C-alpha atoms as a PDB file:
ATOM      1  CA  UNK A   1      -0.028  -0.022   0.064  1.00  0.00           C
ATOM      2  CA  UNK A   2       1.460   3.336  -1.056  1.00  0.00           C
ATOM      3  CA  UNK A   3       2.239   5.850   1.739  1.00  0.00           C
ATOM      4  CA  UNK A   4      -0.279   8.731   2.158  1.00  0.00           C
ATOM      5  CA  UNK A   5       1.365  12.214   1.718  1.00  0.00           C
ATOM      6  CA  UNK A   6      -0.127  15.167   3.440  1.00  0.00           C
ATOM      7  CA  UNK A   7       1.071  18.572   2.886  1.00  0.00           C
ATOM      8  CA  UNK A   8      -0.347  20.368   5.954  1.00  0.00           C
ATOM      9  CA  UNK A   9       0.677  22.466   8.845  1.00  0.00           C
ATOM     10  CA  UNK A  10       0.936  20.492  11.939  1.00  0.00           C
ATOM     11  CA  UNK A  11       0.515  21.288  15.435  1.00  0.00           C
ATOM     12  CA  UNK A  12       3.038  20.612  18.304  1.00  0.00           C
ATOM     13  CA  UNK A  13       2.657  16.920  18.902  1.00  0.00           C
ATOM     14  CA  UNK A  14       1.076  15.541  15.827  1.00  0.00           C
ATOM     15  CA  UNK A  15       4.324  13.933  14.535  1.00  0.00           C
ATOM     16  CA  UNK A  16       4.872  12.138  17.932  1.00  0.00           C
ATOM     17  CA  UNK A  17       1.222  10.861  17.800  1.00  0.00           C
ATOM     18  CA  UNK A  18       1.699   9.578  14.195  1.00  0.00           C
ATOM     19  CA  UNK A  19       4.961   7.826  15.089  1.00  0.00           C
ATOM     20  CA  UNK A  20       3.431   6.350  18.330  1.00  0.00           C
ATOM     21  CA  UNK A  21       0.879   4.698  15.915  1.00  0.00           C
ATOM     22  CA  UNK A  22       3.783   2.938  14.172  1.00  0.00           C
ATOM     23  CA  UNK A  23       3.706   5.200  11.068  1.00  0.00           C
ATOM     24  CA  UNK A  24       6.388   7.385   9.655  1.00  0.00           C
ATOM     25  CA  UNK A  25       6.180  10.993   9.765  1.00  0.00           C
ATOM     26  CA  UNK A  26       8.472  13.233   7.745  1.00  0.00           C
ATOM     27  CA  UNK A  27       8.340  17.030   8.569  1.00  0.00           C
ATOM     28  CA  UNK A  28      10.125  20.034   7.391  1.00  0.00           C
ATOM     29  CA  UNK A  29      10.429  23.487   8.755  1.00  0.00           C
ATOM     30  CA  UNK A  30       9.245  26.064   6.178  1.00  0.00           C
ATOM     31  CA  UNK A  31      10.577  29.384   5.205  1.00  0.00           C
ATOM     32  CA  UNK A  32       8.501  32.216   6.467  1.00  0.00           C
ATOM     33  CA  UNK A  33       7.049  32.975   3.087  1.00  0.00           C
ATOM     34  CA  UNK A  34       5.987  29.380   2.520  1.00  0.00           C
ATOM     35  CA  UNK A  35       4.469  29.222   6.060  1.00  0.00           C
ATOM     36  CA  UNK A  36       2.498  32.375   5.518  1.00  0.00           C
ATOM     37  CA  UNK A  37       1.224  30.858   2.204  1.00  0.00           C
ATOM     38  CA  UNK A  38      -0.031  27.603   3.876  1.00  0.00           C
ATOM     39  CA  UNK A  39      -1.312  29.575   6.761  1.00  0.00           C
ATOM     40  CA  UNK A  40      -3.252  31.826   4.380  1.00  0.00           C
ATOM     41  CA  UNK A  41      -4.711  28.609   2.765  1.00  0.00           C
ATOM     42  CA  UNK A  42      -5.826  27.375   6.256  1.00  0.00           C
ATOM     43  CA  UNK A  43      -7.403  30.686   7.036  1.00  0.00           C
ATOM     44  CA  UNK A  44      -9.244  30.396   3.744  1.00  0.00           C
ATOM     45  CA  UNK A  45     -10.474  26.873   4.620  1.00  0.00           C
ATOM     46  CA  UNK A  46     -11.792  28.381   8.014  1.00  0.00           C
ATOM     47  CA  UNK A  47     -13.582  30.959   6.148  1.00  0.00           C
ATOM     48  CA  UNK A  48     -15.135  28.412   3.730  1.00  0.00           C
ATOM     49  CA  UNK A  49     -16.289  26.376   6.673  1.00  0.00           C
ATOM     50  CA  UNK A  50     -17.848  29.394   8.251  1.00  0.00           C
ATOM     51  CA  UNK A  51     -19.542  30.237   4.861  1.00  0.00           C
ATOM     52  CA  UNK A  52     -21.111  26.683   4.819  1.00  0.00           C
ATOM     53  CA  UNK A  53     -22.278  26.592   8.355  1.00  0.00           C
ATOM     54  CA  UNK A  54     -23.131  30.369   8.603  1.00  0.00           C
ATOM     55  CA  UNK A  55     -22.375  30.015  12.427  1.00  0.00           C
ATOM     56  CA  UNK A  56     -21.464  33.485  13.442  1.00  0.00           C
ATOM     57  CA  UNK A  57     -20.706  32.182  16.915  1.00  0.00           C
ATOM     58  CA  UNK A  58     -18.113  29.829  15.634  1.00  0.00           C
ATOM     59  CA  UNK A  59     -16.363  32.521  13.641  1.00  0.00           C
ATOM     60  CA  UNK A  60     -16.615  35.124  16.409  1.00  0.00           C
ATOM     61  CA  UNK A  61     -15.235  32.713  19.087  1.00  0.00           C
ATOM     62  CA  UNK A  62     -12.170  31.885  16.936  1.00  0.00           C
ATOM     63  CA  UNK A  63     -11.519  35.688  16.149  1.00  0.00           C
ATOM     64  CA  UNK A  64     -12.268  36.879  19.703  1.00  0.00           C
ATOM     65  CA  UNK A  65     -10.043  34.209  21.229  1.00  0.00           C
ATOM     66  CA  UNK A  66      -7.151  34.941  18.834  1.00  0.00           C
ATOM     67  CA  UNK A  67      -7.464  38.787  19.555  1.00  0.00           C
ATOM     68  CA  UNK A  68      -7.263  37.869  23.324  1.00  0.00           C
ATOM     69  CA  UNK A  69      -4.191  35.664  22.815  1.00  0.00           C
ATOM     70  CA  UNK A  70      -2.511  38.489  20.898  1.00  0.00           C
ATOM     71  CA  UNK A  71      -3.333  40.950  23.697  1.00  0.00           C
ATOM     72  CA  UNK A  72      -1.849  38.728  26.329  1.00  0.00           C
ATOM     73  CA  UNK A  73       1.783  38.525  27.323  1.00  0.00           C
ATOM     74  CA  UNK A  74       3.003  35.429  25.614  1.00  0.00           C
ATOM     75  CA  UNK A  75       2.951  32.509  26.398  1.00  0.00           C
ATOM     76  CA  UNK A  76      -0.435  33.109  27.867  1.00  0.00           C
ATOM     77  CA  UNK A  77      -2.228  30.778  30.283  1.00  0.00           C
ATOM     78  CA  UNK A  78      -6.104  30.090  29.820  1.00  0.00           C
ATOM     79  CA  UNK A  79      -6.944  32.293  32.841  1.00  0.00           C
ATOM     80  CA  UNK A  80      -5.279  35.353  31.262  1.00  0.00           C
ATOM     81  CA  UNK A  81      -6.990  34.730  28.045  1.00  0.00           C
ATOM     82  CA  UNK A  82     -10.322  34.388  29.795  1.00  0.00           C
ATOM     83  CA  UNK A  83      -9.669  37.576  31.748  1.00  0.00           C
ATOM     84  CA  UNK A  84      -9.298  39.496  28.378  1.00  0.00           C
ATOM     85  CA  UNK A  85     -12.591  38.016  27.155  1.00  0.00           C
ATOM     86  CA  UNK A  86     -14.679  38.502  30.148  1.00  0.00           C
ATOM     87  CA  UNK A  87     -16.114  41.902  29.361  1.00  0.00           C
ATOM     88  CA  UNK A  88     -16.425  41.544  25.581  1.00  0.00           C
ATOM     89  CA  UNK A  89     -17.052  37.891  24.929  1.00  0.00           C
ATOM     90  CA  UNK A  90     -17.479  35.830  28.161  1.00  0.00           C
ATOM     91  CA  UNK A  91     -16.966  32.093  27.644  1.00  0.00           C
ATOM     92  CA  UNK A  92     -17.025  29.123  29.995  1.00  0.00           C
ATOM     93  CA  UNK A  93     -13.601  27.793  30.740  1.00  0.00           C
ATOM     94  CA  UNK A  94     -14.353  24.528  28.932  1.00  0.00           C
ATOM     95  CA  UNK A  95     -15.608  26.341  25.909  1.00  0.00           C
ATOM     96  CA  UNK A  96     -12.433  28.489  25.878  1.00  0.00           C
ATOM     97  CA  UNK A  97     -10.316  25.256  26.199  1.00  0.00           C
ATOM     98  CA  UNK A  98     -12.052  23.780  23.221  1.00  0.00           C
ATOM     99  CA  UNK A  99     -11.696  26.895  21.092  1.00  0.00           C
ATOM    100  CA  UNK A 100      -8.059  27.081  22.010  1.00  0.00           C
ATOM    101  CA  UNK A 101      -7.573  23.311  21.094  1.00  0.00           C
ATOM    102  CA  UNK A 102      -9.233  23.983  17.727  1.00  0.00           C
ATOM    103  CA  UNK A 103      -6.995  26.996  17.039  1.00  0.00           C
ATOM    104  CA  UNK A 104      -3.939  24.839  17.786  1.00  0.00           C
ATOM    105  CA  UNK A 105      -5.192  22.054  15.582  1.00  0.00           C
ATOM    106  CA  UNK A 106      -5.520  24.515  12.805  1.00  0.00           C
ATOM    107  CA  UNK A 107      -1.994  25.927  13.230  1.00  0.00           C
ATOM    108  CA  UNK A 108      -2.741  29.178  14.786  1.00  0.00           C
ATOM    109  CA  UNK A 109      -1.501  28.476  18.226  1.00  0.00           C
ATOM    110  CA  UNK A 110       1.107  26.343  19.930  1.00  0.00           C
ATOM    111  CA  UNK A 111       0.188  24.731  23.209  1.00  0.00           C
ATOM    112  CA  UNK A 112       2.887  24.041  25.778  1.00  0.00           C
ATOM    113  CA  UNK A 113       1.567  21.459  28.389  1.00  0.00           C
ATOM    114  CA  UNK A 114       4.834  21.192  30.246  1.00  0.00           C
ATOM    115  CA  UNK A 115       3.741  23.458  32.983  1.00  0.00           C
ATOM    116  CA  UNK A 116       0.926  23.072  35.614  1.00  0.00           C
ATOM    117  CA  UNK A 117      -1.158  25.094  33.316  1.00  0.00           C
ATOM    118  CA  UNK A 118      -0.882  24.940  29.608  1.00  0.00           C
ATOM    119  CA  UNK A 119       0.391  27.908  27.898  1.00  0.00           C
ATOM    120  CA  UNK A 120      -0.587  29.335  24.487  1.00  0.00           C
ATOM    121  CA  UNK A 121       1.659  31.105  21.991  1.00  0.00           C
ATOM    122  CA  UNK A 122       0.245  32.551  18.671  1.00  0.00           C
ATOM    123  CA  UNK A 123       2.010  31.180  15.618  1.00  0.00           C
ATOM    124  CA  UNK A 124       0.969  34.155  13.468  1.00  0.00           C
ATOM    125  CA  UNK A 125       1.167  37.834  14.492  1.00  0.00           C
ATOM    126  CA  UNK A 126      -1.869  40.176  14.332  1.00  0.00           C
ATOM    127  CA  UNK A 127       0.150  42.211  11.841  1.00  0.00           C
ATOM    128  CA  UNK A 128       0.919  39.281   9.605  1.00  0.00           C
ATOM    129  CA  UNK A 129      -2.675  38.210   9.603  1.00  0.00           C
ATOM    130  CA  UNK A 130      -3.989  41.680   8.755  1.00  0.00           C
ATOM    131  CA  UNK A 131      -1.404  42.236   6.086  1.00  0.00           C
ATOM    132  CA  UNK A 132      -2.284  38.856   4.426  1.00  0.00           C
ATOM    133  CA  UNK A 133      -5.988  39.224   4.719  1.00  0.00           C
ATOM    134  CA  UNK A 134      -6.593  42.942   3.912  1.00  0.00           C
ATOM    135  CA  UNK A 135      -6.906  42.524   0.098  1.00  0.00           C
ATOM    136  CA  UNK A 136      -8.909  39.281   0.443  1.00  0.00           C
ATOM    137  CA  UNK A 137     -11.209  41.021   2.822  1.00  0.00           C
ATOM    138  CA  UNK A 138     -11.760  43.890   0.307  1.00  0.00           C
ATOM    139  CA  UNK A 139     -12.277  41.260  -2.574  1.00  0.00           C
ATOM    140  CA  UNK A 140     -14.591  39.081  -0.829  1.00  0.00           C
ATOM    141  CA  UNK A 141     -16.914  41.504   1.118  1.00  0.00           C
ATOM    142  CA  UNK A 142     -16.940  44.517  -1.250  1.00  0.00           C
ATOM    143  CA  UNK A 143     -16.359  42.798  -4.633  1.00  0.00           C
ATOM    144  CA  UNK A 144     -12.855  44.662  -4.675  1.00  0.00           C
ATOM    145  CA  UNK A 145     -14.483  48.006  -4.809  1.00  0.00           C
ATOM    146  CA  UNK A 146     -12.680  50.580  -2.684  1.00  0.00           C
ATOM    147  CA  UNK A 147     -15.718  52.980  -2.880  1.00  0.00           C
ATOM    148  CA  UNK A 148     -18.021  50.208  -1.655  1.00  0.00           C
ATOM    149  CA  UNK A 149     -15.593  49.534   1.199  1.00  0.00           C
ATOM    150  CA  UNK A 150     -15.387  53.329   2.061  1.00  0.00           C
ATOM    151  CA  UNK A 151     -19.191  53.539   2.069  1.00  0.00           C
ATOM    152  CA  UNK A 152     -19.438  50.502   4.232  1.00  0.00           C
ATOM    153  CA  UNK A 153     -17.034  52.177   6.743  1.00  0.00           C
ATOM    154  CA  UNK A 154     -19.188  55.256   6.792  1.00  0.00           C
ATOM    155  CA  UNK A 155     -22.516  53.215   7.108  1.00  0.00           C
ATOM    156  CA  UNK A 156     -20.912  51.023   9.704  1.00  0.00           C
ATOM    157  CA  UNK A 157     -21.317  53.351  12.598  1.00  0.00           C
ATOM    158  CA  UNK A 158     -17.825  54.942  12.471  1.00  0.00           C
ATOM    159  CA  UNK A 159     -17.938  58.373  14.204  1.00  0.00           C
ATOM    160  CA  UNK A 160     -16.742  61.540  12.401  1.00  0.00           C
ATOM    161  CA  UNK A 161     -13.748  61.528  14.564  1.00  0.00           C
ATOM    162  CA  UNK A 162     -12.772  58.007  13.589  1.00  0.00           C
ATOM    163  CA  UNK A 163     -13.174  58.830   9.882  1.00  0.00           C
ATOM    164  CA  UNK A 164     -11.127  61.968  10.304  1.00  0.00           C
ATOM    165  CA  UNK A 165      -8.342  59.887  11.980  1.00  0.00           C
ATOM    166  CA  UNK A 166      -8.493  57.512   8.999  1.00  0.00           C
ATOM    167  CA  UNK A 167      -8.282  60.373   6.570  1.00  0.00           C
ATOM    168  CA  UNK A 168      -5.319  61.948   8.445  1.00  0.00           C
ATOM    169  CA  UNK A 169      -3.606  58.579   8.456  1.00  0.00           C
ATOM    170  CA  UNK A 170      -4.060  58.239   4.658  1.00  0.00           C
ATOM    171  CA  UNK A 171      -3.024  61.958   4.023  1.00  0.00           C
ATOM    172  CA  UNK A 172       0.177  61.496   6.190  1.00  0.00           C
ATOM    173  CA  UNK A 173       0.997  58.276   4.250  1.00  0.00           C
ATOM    174  CA  UNK A 174       1.135  56.343   7.456  1.00  0.00           C
ATOM    175  CA  UNK A 175      -1.184  53.534   5.973  1.00  0.00           C
END
């Protein structure tokens, strides 16, 4: 029987689990550009899953938890992440652990279980995510139309002050 080949991002202990099952696992460390490309593909898979299920809660959970992890000092413990979420997106500890596990399975987080409490480290920065997704966001949500995007910003409840700030950033070439 020919060996199956998977070209996927793997989380922390998957190779060990595969080898413990008596199988051979060959891994390689990717260059940053290749890693970002595969991670971008994974984010698109997640978006496609959301578009199929239309589960806003699922999408919000993933995004909110990643935002909280990025806001914490890393590596972050579950309690610190939960503290960040308590006012904006309160979740039960078991739900948070499930979401953190899913994010790790998908290659967005690394889980270090060598301490009394597991610690979570993001494998992608907020800036890298925003940079890789900004054009895709414009294309998917606004059909690539910058005027439609600007109109959505104005209709989206942004204050005059926020729009002034955006204009200033554009005029000062800081964006």
